[in-house]
C-alpha atoms as a PDB file:
ATOM      1  CA  MET A   1     135.412 149.767  69.031  1.00  0.00           C
ATOM      2  CA  ASN A   2     139.364 149.572  68.782  1.00  0.00           C
ATOM      3  CA  LEU A   3     139.340 145.876  69.145  1.00  0.00           C
ATOM      4  CA  LYS A   4     137.086 145.356  66.559  1.00  0.00           C
ATOM      5  CA  PHE A   5     139.121 147.418  64.136  1.00  0.00           C
ATOM      6  CA  PHE A   6     142.434 145.684  65.150  1.00  0.00           C
ATOM      7  CA  LEU A   7     140.693 142.590  64.100  1.00  0.00           C
ATOM      8  CA  ILE A   8     139.430 143.777  60.562  1.00  0.00           C
ATOM      9  CA  THR A   9     143.126 145.281  59.995  1.00  0.00           C
ATOM     10  CA  VAL A  10     144.355 141.577  60.874  1.00  0.00           C
ATOM     11  CA  LEU A  11     141.834 140.087  58.454  1.00  0.00           C
ATOM     12  CA  THR A  12     142.351 142.485  55.640  1.00  0.00           C
ATOM     13  CA  LEU A  13     145.932 141.892  55.824  1.00  0.00           C
ATOM     14  CA  SER A  14     146.062 137.856  55.838  1.00  0.00           C
ATOM     15  CA  LEU A  15     143.603 138.083  52.539  1.00  0.00           C
ATOM     16  CA  LEU A  16     146.099 140.159  50.879  1.00  0.00           C
ATOM     17  CA  VAL A  17     148.994 137.956  51.831  1.00  0.00           C
ATOM     18  CA  SER A  18     147.267 134.756  51.168  1.00  0.00           C
ATOM     19  CA  CYS A  19     146.236 136.335  47.140  1.00  0.00           C
ATOM     20  CA  LYS A  20     149.757 137.425  46.866  1.00  0.00           C
ATOM     21  CA  SER A  21     151.150 134.231  47.766  1.00  0.00           C
ATOM     22  CA  LYS A  22     148.788 131.953  45.281  1.00  0.00           C
ATOM     23  CA  LYS A  23     149.950 134.498  42.601  1.00  0.00           C
ATOM     24  CA  LYS A  24     153.596 133.626  42.903  1.00  0.00           C
ATOM     25  CA  LEU A  25     152.771 129.940  42.728  1.00  0.00           C
ATOM     26  CA  VAL A  26     150.620 130.437  39.572  1.00  0.00           C
ATOM     27  CA  LYS A  27     153.542 132.363  37.776  1.00  0.00           C
ATOM     28  CA  LYS A  28     156.349 129.725  39.174  1.00  0.00           C
ATOM     29  CA  LEU A  29     153.839 126.706  37.254  1.00  0.00           C
ATOM     30  CA  GLU A  30     153.933 128.967  34.109  1.00  0.00           C
ATOM     31  CA  THR A  31     155.536 126.334  31.451  1.00  0.00           C
ATOM     32  CA  PRO A  32     158.590 128.333  29.325  1.00  0.00           C
ATOM     33  CA  HIS A  33     158.100 128.397  26.021  1.00  0.00           C
ATOM     34  CA  LYS A  34     159.827 129.622  22.898  1.00  0.00           C
ATOM     35  CA  GLU A  35     158.941 130.364  19.457  1.00  0.00           C
ATOM     36  CA  MET A  36     160.987 129.070  16.261  1.00  0.00           C
ATOM     37  CA  VAL A  37     159.918 129.868  12.566  1.00  0.00           C
ATOM     38  CA  ILE A  38     159.642 127.182   9.875  1.00  0.00           C
ATOM     39  CA  LYS A  39     160.305 128.710   6.520  1.00  0.00           C
ATOM     40  CA  SER A  40     158.099 127.159   3.533  1.00  0.00           C
ATOM     41  CA  THR A  41     159.007 127.024   0.152  1.00  0.00           C
ATOM     42  CA  ASN A  42     157.139 130.619   0.059  1.00  0.00           C
ATOM     43  CA  ASP A  43     158.939 132.760   2.221  1.00  0.00           C
ATOM     44  CA  THR A  44     156.305 135.249   2.935  1.00  0.00           C
ATOM     45  CA  ASP A  45     154.277 131.858   4.101  1.00  0.00           C
ATOM     46  CA  SER A  46     156.516 130.954   6.732  1.00  0.00           C
ATOM     47  CA  LYS A  47     155.123 129.481   9.847  1.00  0.00           C
ATOM     48  CA  LYS A  48     155.646 130.326  13.406  1.00  0.00           C
ATOM     49  CA  VAL A  49     155.654 127.536  15.860  1.00  0.00           C
ATOM     50  CA  THR A  50     155.573 127.516  19.438  1.00  0.00           C
ATOM     51  CA  LEU A  51     157.682 124.923  21.117  1.00  0.00           C
ATOM     52  CA  VAL A  52     157.009 124.160  24.711  1.00  0.00           C
ATOM     53  CA  SER A  53     160.395 123.233  26.397  1.00  0.00           C
ATOM     54  CA  ASN A  54     160.351 121.274  29.652  1.00  0.00           C
ATOM     55  CA  THR A  55     163.504 120.899  31.653  1.00  0.00           C
ATOM     56  CA  ASN A  56     162.452 117.989  33.457  1.00  0.00           C
ATOM     57  CA  SER A  57     161.450 116.136  30.172  1.00  0.00           C
ATOM     58  CA  THR A  58     162.656 112.500  29.703  1.00  0.00           C
ATOM     59  CA  ILE A  59     162.974 110.334  26.680  1.00  0.00           C
ATOM     60  CA  ARG A  60     159.290 109.001  26.066  1.00  0.00           C
ATOM     61  CA  ASN A  61     159.988 106.437  23.300  1.00  0.00           C
ATOM     62  CA  SER A  62     162.416 104.139  23.871  1.00  0.00           C
ATOM     63  CA  THR A  63     164.747 102.576  21.491  1.00  0.00           C
ATOM     64  CA  LEU A  64     162.741  99.210  21.239  1.00  0.00           C
ATOM     65  CA  ASP A  65     159.465 101.365  20.865  1.00  0.00           C
ATOM     66  CA  TYR A  66     161.417 103.025  17.596  1.00  0.00           C
ATOM     67  CA  ILE A  67     162.403 100.248  16.002  1.00  0.00           C
ATOM     68  CA  GLU A  68     158.839  98.291  16.367  1.00  0.00           C
ATOM     69  CA  GLN A  69     157.564 101.618  14.843  1.00  0.00           C
ATOM     70  CA  TYR A  70     159.438 101.922  11.864  1.00  0.00           C
ATOM     71  CA  LYS A  71     160.958  98.473  11.344  1.00  0.00           C
ATOM     72  CA  ASP A  72     158.100  98.027   8.447  1.00  0.00           C
ATOM     73  CA  ALA A  73     159.348 101.203   6.646  1.00  0.00           C
ATOM     74  CA  ALA A  74     162.787 100.037   6.822  1.00  0.00           C
ATOM     75  CA  MET A  75     161.843  96.744   5.442  1.00  0.00           C
ATOM     76  CA  ARG A  76     160.029  98.112   2.917  1.00  0.00           C
ATOM     77  CA  ASP A  77     162.671 100.429   1.663  1.00  0.00           C
ATOM     78  CA  MET A  78     165.030  97.519   1.566  1.00  0.00           C
ATOM     79  CA  ARG A  79     162.907  95.921  -0.967  1.00  0.00           C
ATOM     80  CA  ASN A  80     162.336  99.137  -2.985  1.00  0.00           C
ATOM     81  CA  TYR A  81     165.413 100.859  -2.986  1.00  0.00           C
ATOM     82  CA  ASN A  82     167.959  97.783  -1.717  1.00  0.00           C
ATOM     83  CA  ILE A  83     169.187  99.865   1.339  1.00  0.00           C
ATOM     84  CA  PRO A  84     169.903  97.547   4.335  1.00  0.00           C
ATOM     85  CA  ALA A  85     167.037  97.886   6.733  1.00  0.00           C
ATOM     86  CA  SER A  86     169.327  97.298   9.647  1.00  0.00           C
ATOM     87  CA  ILE A  87     171.379 100.290   8.290  1.00  0.00           C
ATOM     88  CA  LYS A  88     168.438 102.194   8.088  1.00  0.00           C
ATOM     89  CA  LEU A  89     167.254 101.905  11.401  1.00  0.00           C
ATOM     90  CA  ALA A  90     170.747 102.650  12.975  1.00  0.00           C
ATOM     91  CA  GLN A  91     170.765 105.721  11.054  1.00  0.00           C
ATOM     92  CA  GLY A  92     167.346 106.634  12.305  1.00  0.00           C
ATOM     93  CA  ILE A  93     168.291 105.678  15.845  1.00  0.00           C
ATOM     94  CA  LEU A  94     171.479 107.411  15.970  1.00  0.00           C
ATOM     95  CA  GLU A  95     170.255 110.513  13.881  1.00  0.00           C
ATOM     96  CA  SER A  96     167.141 110.993  16.095  1.00  0.00           C
ATOM     97  CA  SER A  97     167.787 109.713  19.055  1.00  0.00           C
ATOM     98  CA  SER A  98     165.263 107.394  18.898  1.00  0.00           C
ATOM     99  CA  GLY A  99     162.783 110.086  17.395  1.00  0.00           C
ATOM    100  CA  ASN A 100     163.136 112.355  20.594  1.00  0.00           C
ATOM    101  CA  SER A 101     165.851 114.835  19.113  1.00  0.00           C
ATOM    102  CA  GLN A 102     164.253 118.278  19.008  1.00  0.00           C
ATOM    103  CA  LEU A 103     165.267 118.526  15.394  1.00  0.00           C
ATOM    104  CA  THR A 104     163.172 115.094  14.607  1.00  0.00           C
ATOM    105  CA  LYS A 105     160.389 116.450  16.972  1.00  0.00           C
ATOM    106  CA  ARG A 106     159.853 119.545  15.041  1.00  0.00           C
ATOM    107  CA  SER A 107     160.431 118.396  11.552  1.00  0.00           C
ATOM    108  CA  ASN A 108     160.030 114.927  11.288  1.00  0.00           C
ATOM    109  CA  ASN A 109     163.364 114.580   9.986  1.00  0.00           C
ATOM    110  CA  HIS A 110     164.760 111.254  11.342  1.00  0.00           C
ATOM    111  CA  PHE A 111     168.363 111.097   9.304  1.00  0.00           C
ATOM    112  CA  GLY A 112     169.560 114.882   9.462  1.00  0.00           C
ATOM    113  CA  ILE A 113     169.309 115.225   6.094  1.00  0.00           C
ATOM    114  CA  LYS A 114     170.069 119.070   5.111  1.00  0.00           C
ATOM    115  CA  CYS A 115     168.387 121.164   3.092  1.00  0.00           C
ATOM    116  CA  HIS A 116     171.162 120.938   0.109  1.00  0.00           C
ATOM    117  CA  LYS A 117     170.845 122.414  -3.904  1.00  0.00           C
ATOM    118  CA  GLY A 118     167.589 121.682  -5.073  1.00  0.00           C
ATOM    119  CA  TRP A 119     165.630 121.102  -1.869  1.00  0.00           C
ATOM    120  CA  GLU A 120     161.985 122.753  -2.559  1.00  0.00           C
ATOM    121  CA  GLY A 121     160.296 121.559   0.249  1.00  0.00           C
ATOM    122  CA  ASP A 122     159.695 123.222   3.726  1.00  0.00           C
ATOM    123  CA  LYS A 123     163.147 124.137   5.935  1.00  0.00           C
ATOM    124  CA  THR A 124     163.995 124.349   9.483  1.00  0.00           C
ATOM    125  CA  TYR A 125     167.326 125.679  10.943  1.00  0.00           C
ATOM    126  CA  HIS A 126     169.530 124.078  13.326  1.00  0.00           C
ATOM    127  CA  ASP A 127     172.771 124.234  15.017  1.00  0.00           C
ATOM    128  CA  ASP A 128     174.874 121.338  13.788  1.00  0.00           C
ATOM    129  CA  ASP A 129     178.628 121.343  12.237  1.00  0.00           C
ATOM    130  CA  GLU A 130     177.756 125.060  12.051  1.00  0.00           C
ATOM    131  CA  LYS A 131     175.555 127.218  13.279  1.00  0.00           C
ATOM    132  CA  GLY A 132     171.945 127.684  11.761  1.00  0.00           C
ATOM    133  CA  GLU A 133     172.378 125.232   9.146  1.00  0.00           C
ATOM    134  CA  CYS A 134     169.090 124.395   7.156  1.00  0.00           C
ATOM    135  CA  PHE A 135     167.471 121.241   7.459  1.00  0.00           C
ATOM    136  CA  ARG A 136     164.305 119.449   5.538  1.00  0.00           C
ATOM    137  CA  VAL A 137     161.293 119.434   7.181  1.00  0.00           C
ATOM    138  CA  TYR A 138     158.706 116.620   6.368  1.00  0.00           C
ATOM    139  CA  LYS A 139     154.666 116.109   7.186  1.00  0.00           C
ATOM    140  CA  ASP A 140     155.403 113.049   8.567  1.00  0.00           C
ATOM    141  CA  PRO A 141     158.328 110.290   9.720  1.00  0.00           C
ATOM    142  CA  ALA A 142     156.957 107.930   6.417  1.00  0.00           C
ATOM    143  CA  ASN A 143     158.273 110.756   4.303  1.00  0.00           C
ATOM    144  CA  SER A 144     161.684 111.297   5.626  1.00  0.00           C
ATOM    145  CA  TYR A 145     162.140 107.561   5.493  1.00  0.00           C
ATOM    146  CA  LYS A 146     161.371 107.504   1.855  1.00  0.00           C
ATOM    147  CA  ASP A 147     163.257 110.807   1.253  1.00  0.00           C
ATOM    148  CA  HIS A 148     166.473 108.866   2.863  1.00  0.00           C
ATOM    149  CA  SER A 149     166.089 106.605  -0.011  1.00  0.00           C
ATOM    150  CA  LEU A 150     165.814 108.939  -2.630  1.00  0.00           C
ATOM    151  CA  PHE A 151     168.723 110.948  -1.310  1.00  0.00           C
ATOM    152  CA  LEU A 152     171.000 107.845  -1.151  1.00  0.00           C
ATOM    153  CA  THR A 153     170.112 106.579  -4.282  1.00  0.00           C
ATOM    154  CA  SER A 154     170.213 109.701  -6.277  1.00  0.00           C
ATOM    155  CA  ARG A 155     173.742 110.806  -5.536  1.00  0.00           C
ATOM    156  CA  SER A 156     176.621 109.373  -7.565  1.00  0.00           C
ATOM    157  CA  ARG A 157     179.129 109.593  -4.389  1.00  0.00           C
ATOM    158  CA  TYR A 158     176.920 106.932  -2.685  1.00  0.00           C
ATOM    159  CA  SER A 159     176.746 104.619  -6.157  1.00  0.00           C
ATOM    160  CA  ASP A 160     179.609 102.193  -4.606  1.00  0.00           C
ATOM    161  CA  LEU A 161     177.022 101.238  -1.642  1.00  0.00           C
ATOM    162  CA  PHE A 162     174.775  99.834  -4.243  1.00  0.00           C
ATOM    163  CA  LYS A 163     177.538  97.317  -5.303  1.00  0.00           C
ATOM    164  CA  ILE A 164     177.646  95.759  -1.738  1.00  0.00           C
ATOM    165  CA  GLU A 165     176.431  92.470  -1.476  1.00  0.00           C
ATOM    166  CA  GLN A 166     172.869  92.625   0.372  1.00  0.00           C
ATOM    167  CA  GLY A 167     172.817  92.165   4.171  1.00  0.00           C
ATOM    168  CA  ASP A 168     176.684  93.203   4.341  1.00  0.00           C
ATOM    169  CA  TYR A 169     175.705  96.276   6.728  1.00  0.00           C
ATOM    170  CA  VAL A 170     179.112  96.674   8.033  1.00  0.00           C
ATOM    171  CA  LYS A 171     180.429  97.370   4.547  1.00  0.00           C
ATOM    172  CA  TRP A 172     177.525  99.722   4.264  1.00  0.00           C
ATOM    173  CA  ALA A 173     178.433 101.353   7.513  1.00  0.00           C
ATOM    174  CA  LYS A 174     181.679 102.183   6.190  1.00  0.00           C
ATOM    175  CA  GLY A 175     180.934 103.261   2.772  1.00  0.00           C
ATOM    176  CA  LEU A 176     178.422 105.924   4.248  1.00  0.00           C
ATOM    177  CA  SER A 177     181.534 107.236   6.048  1.00  0.00           C
ATOM    178  CA  LYS A 178     183.566 106.949   3.334  1.00  0.00           C
ATOM    179  CA  ALA A 179     181.060 108.635   0.951  1.00  0.00           C
ATOM    180  CA  GLY A 180     180.525 111.380   3.350  1.00  0.00           C
ATOM    181  CA  TYR A 181     177.413 110.604   4.922  1.00  0.00           C
ATOM    182  CA  ALA A 182     178.957 112.114   8.494  1.00  0.00           C
ATOM    183  CA  THR A 183     181.769 113.898   9.797  1.00  0.00           C
ATOM    184  CA  ASP A 184     182.078 111.650  12.732  1.00  0.00           C
ATOM    185  CA  ARG A 185     184.967 109.084  12.084  1.00  0.00           C
ATOM    186  CA  ARG A 186     183.163 106.675  14.633  1.00  0.00           C
ATOM    187  CA  TYR A 187     179.854 106.883  12.571  1.00  0.00           C
ATOM    188  CA  PRO A 188     180.632 103.103  11.456  1.00  0.00           C
ATOM    189  CA  ALA A 189     181.216 101.746  14.611  1.00  0.00           C
ATOM    190  CA  LYS A 190     178.679 103.501  16.136  1.00  0.00           C
ATOM    191  CA  LEU A 191     175.899 102.284  13.405  1.00  0.00           C
ATOM    192  CA  ILE A 192     177.482  98.734  13.664  1.00  0.00           C
ATOM    193  CA  ALA A 193     177.113  98.608  17.381  1.00  0.00           C
ATOM    194  CA  ILE A 194     173.695  99.511  17.451  1.00  0.00           C
ATOM    195  CA  ILE A 195     172.882  96.990  14.992  1.00  0.00           C
ATOM    196  CA  GLU A 196     174.351  94.497  16.755  1.00  0.00           C
ATOM    197  CA  LYS A 197     172.956  95.334  20.110  1.00  0.00           C
ATOM    198  CA  TYR A 198     169.515  95.391  18.810  1.00  0.00           C
ATOM    199  CA  ASP A 199     170.009  92.804  16.544  1.00  0.00           C
ATOM    200  CA  LEU A 200     168.683  94.503  13.481  1.00  0.00           C
ATOM    201  CA  HIS A 201     169.988  92.802  10.786  1.00  0.00           C
ATOM    202  CA  LYS A 202     167.296  90.041  11.332  1.00  0.00           C
ATOM    203  CA  TYR A 203     165.258  92.412   9.399  1.00  0.00           C
ATOM    204  CA  ASP A 204     167.599  92.439   6.467  1.00  0.00           C
ATOM    205  CA  THR A 205     167.099  88.327   6.701  1.00  0.00           C
ATOM    206  CA  GLU A 206     163.098  88.553   7.087  1.00  0.00           C
ATOM    207  CA  VAL A 207     163.654  90.739   3.863  1.00  0.00           C
ATOM    208  CA  LEU A 208     166.265  88.517   1.698  1.00  0.00           C
ATOM    209  CA  GLY A 209     164.676  85.371   3.203  1.00  0.00           C
ATOM    210  CA  LYS A 210     168.308  83.955   4.282  1.00  0.00           C
ATOM    211  CA  SER A 211     170.888  85.443   6.879  1.00  0.00           C
ATOM    212  CA  PHE A 212     174.146  86.995   5.334  1.00  0.00           C
ATOM    213  CA  GLU A 213     177.276  85.187   5.750  1.00  0.00           C
ATOM    214  CA  TYR A 214     180.566  85.951   4.751  1.00  0.00           C
ATOM    215  CA  PRO A 215     182.200  83.659   1.927  1.00  0.00           C
ATOM    216  CA  LYS A 216     184.002  80.804   4.182  1.00  0.00           C
ATOM    217  CA  ASN A 217     187.365  81.338   2.256  1.00  0.00           C
ATOM    218  CA  ASN A 218     187.515  84.939   3.162  1.00  0.00           C
ATOM    219  CA  ASP A 219     185.886  85.727   6.470  1.00  0.00           C
ATOM    220  CA  LEU A 220     186.563  89.067   7.085  1.00  0.00           C
ATOM    221  CA  LYS A 221     186.743  90.004  10.673  1.00  0.00           C
ATOM    222  CA  ASN A 222     186.377  93.654  12.164  1.00  0.00           C
ATOM    223  CA  HIS A 223     187.711  94.763  15.412  1.00  0.00           C
ATOM    224  CA  ILE A 224     186.322  98.553  16.725  1.00  0.00           C
ATOM    225  CA  VAL A 225     189.557 100.232  18.472  1.00  0.00           C
ATOM    226  CA  THR A 226     189.683 100.757  21.948  1.00  0.00           C
ATOM    227  CA  LYS A 227     191.942 102.828  24.062  1.00  0.00           C
ATOM    228  CA  GLY A 228     195.254 101.420  24.532  1.00  0.00           C
ATOM    229  CA  ASP A 229     195.136  99.929  20.750  1.00  0.00           C
ATOM    230  CA  THR A 230     198.141 100.655  18.444  1.00  0.00           C
ATOM    231  CA  LEU A 231     198.619  98.597  14.834  1.00  0.00           C
ATOM    232  CA  TYR A 232     201.474  96.949  16.439  1.00  0.00           C
ATOM    233  CA  SER A 233     199.382  95.589  19.182  1.00  0.00           C
ATOM    234  CA  LEU A 234     196.808  94.561  17.120  1.00  0.00           C
ATOM    235  CA  SER A 235     198.928  92.673  14.568  1.00  0.00           C
ATOM    236  CA  ARG A 236     200.131  90.786  17.228  1.00  0.00           C
ATOM    237  CA  ARG A 237     196.867  89.977  18.520  1.00  0.00           C
ATOM    238  CA  TYR A 238     195.518  88.856  14.903  1.00  0.00           C
ATOM    239  CA  GLY A 239     198.401  87.367  13.522  1.00  0.00           C
ATOM    240  CA  LEU A 240     199.119  90.185  10.741  1.00  0.00           C
ATOM    241  CA  THR A 241     201.944  92.580  10.229  1.00  0.00           C
ATOM    242  CA  VAL A 242     201.418  96.415  10.229  1.00  0.00           C
ATOM    243  CA  SER A 243     202.073  96.582   6.989  1.00  0.00           C
ATOM    244  CA  ASP A 244     199.060  94.123   6.199  1.00  0.00           C
ATOM    245  CA  LEU A 245     196.763  96.129   8.411  1.00  0.00           C
ATOM    246  CA  LYS A 246     197.505  99.519   6.871  1.00  0.00           C
ATOM    247  CA  LYS A 247     197.159  97.721   3.225  1.00  0.00           C
ATOM    248  CA  ILE A 248     193.724  96.088   4.076  1.00  0.00           C
ATOM    249  CA  ASN A 249     192.260  99.446   5.736  1.00  0.00           C
ATOM    250  CA  SER A 250     193.778 101.743   3.134  1.00  0.00           C
ATOM    251  CA  LEU A 251     195.692 103.701   6.158  1.00  0.00           C
ATOM    252  CA  ASP A 252     198.091 106.117   5.203  1.00  0.00           C
ATOM    253  CA  SER A 253     199.667 106.529   8.705  1.00  0.00           C
ATOM    254  CA  ASN A 254     199.763 104.615  11.594  1.00  0.00           C
ATOM    255  CA  THR A 255     197.160 106.690  13.517  1.00  0.00           C
ATOM    256  CA  ILE A 256     193.862 105.118  14.773  1.00  0.00           C
ATOM    257  CA  SER A 257     191.320 106.342  17.330  1.00  0.00           C
ATOM    258  CA  ILE A 258     188.872 105.231  19.624  1.00  0.00           C
ATOM    259  CA  GLY A 259     185.758 103.858  17.768  1.00  0.00           C
ATOM    260  CA  GLN A 260     187.167 103.064  13.980  1.00  0.00           C
ATOM    261  CA  VAL A 261     186.691  99.975  12.595  1.00  0.00           C
ATOM    262  CA  LEU A 262     189.221  98.228  11.254  1.00  0.00           C
ATOM    263  CA  ILE A 263     189.184  94.871   9.373  1.00  0.00           C
ATOM    264  CA  VAL A 264     191.673  92.379  10.818  1.00  0.00           C
ATOM    265  CA  SER A 265     191.695  89.453   8.476  1.00  0.00           C
ATOM    266  CA  LYS A 266     193.130  89.143   5.065  1.00  0.00           C
END
């Protein structure tokens, strides 16, 4: 009798331990998530969206996938708005992390365009230069691409960009920075590096029907500043004076920074 009671007790305890361990396993495998609020034009109609976060997630779409997906939209906008396809694709890649940034995933905003005065569409809030800044929300990426074009063509501070000879992505990259599109001083260098790494200028050529070439008598050369560069060392390398370099690049001082793009020919 005692032996029988002992065996029943052991069996019961084993079942309890097994159930408890399964509960712990199930709890451990639960996917963490958080909620965010996307405000619509009517604040009383705000939408609550659940975002699932995976700490082990990897970038699913490569930059090459991104280019293949959006090159046609970039070329279409070049035809309609005279914005180089190479610039638009490079900005999209940089601003959206090839479509994988959290802001892009939850708002289809591929160019980091903030709400600004007059925006009447949906909004989301994201930490950028400041905490909790307002960004535009689009129903699909196509709307983001078109709005990027409208954003540039409708603001006077970008008007000088459309005076640049078509296909000159270097001047466009510098012009965007000069007009204040981004606060990062290395923004032009980053765009140029992306364009040249992935040969994005070939899409400009496809639209224009010819490749862009600088005039032979005014062949501009560019140098991306690296560690150890100074105006003096660059002047020696490219056969210019320090004064020439400052004048060509509209520099007020001798200070240059890593990643800065400098014109190094007269």
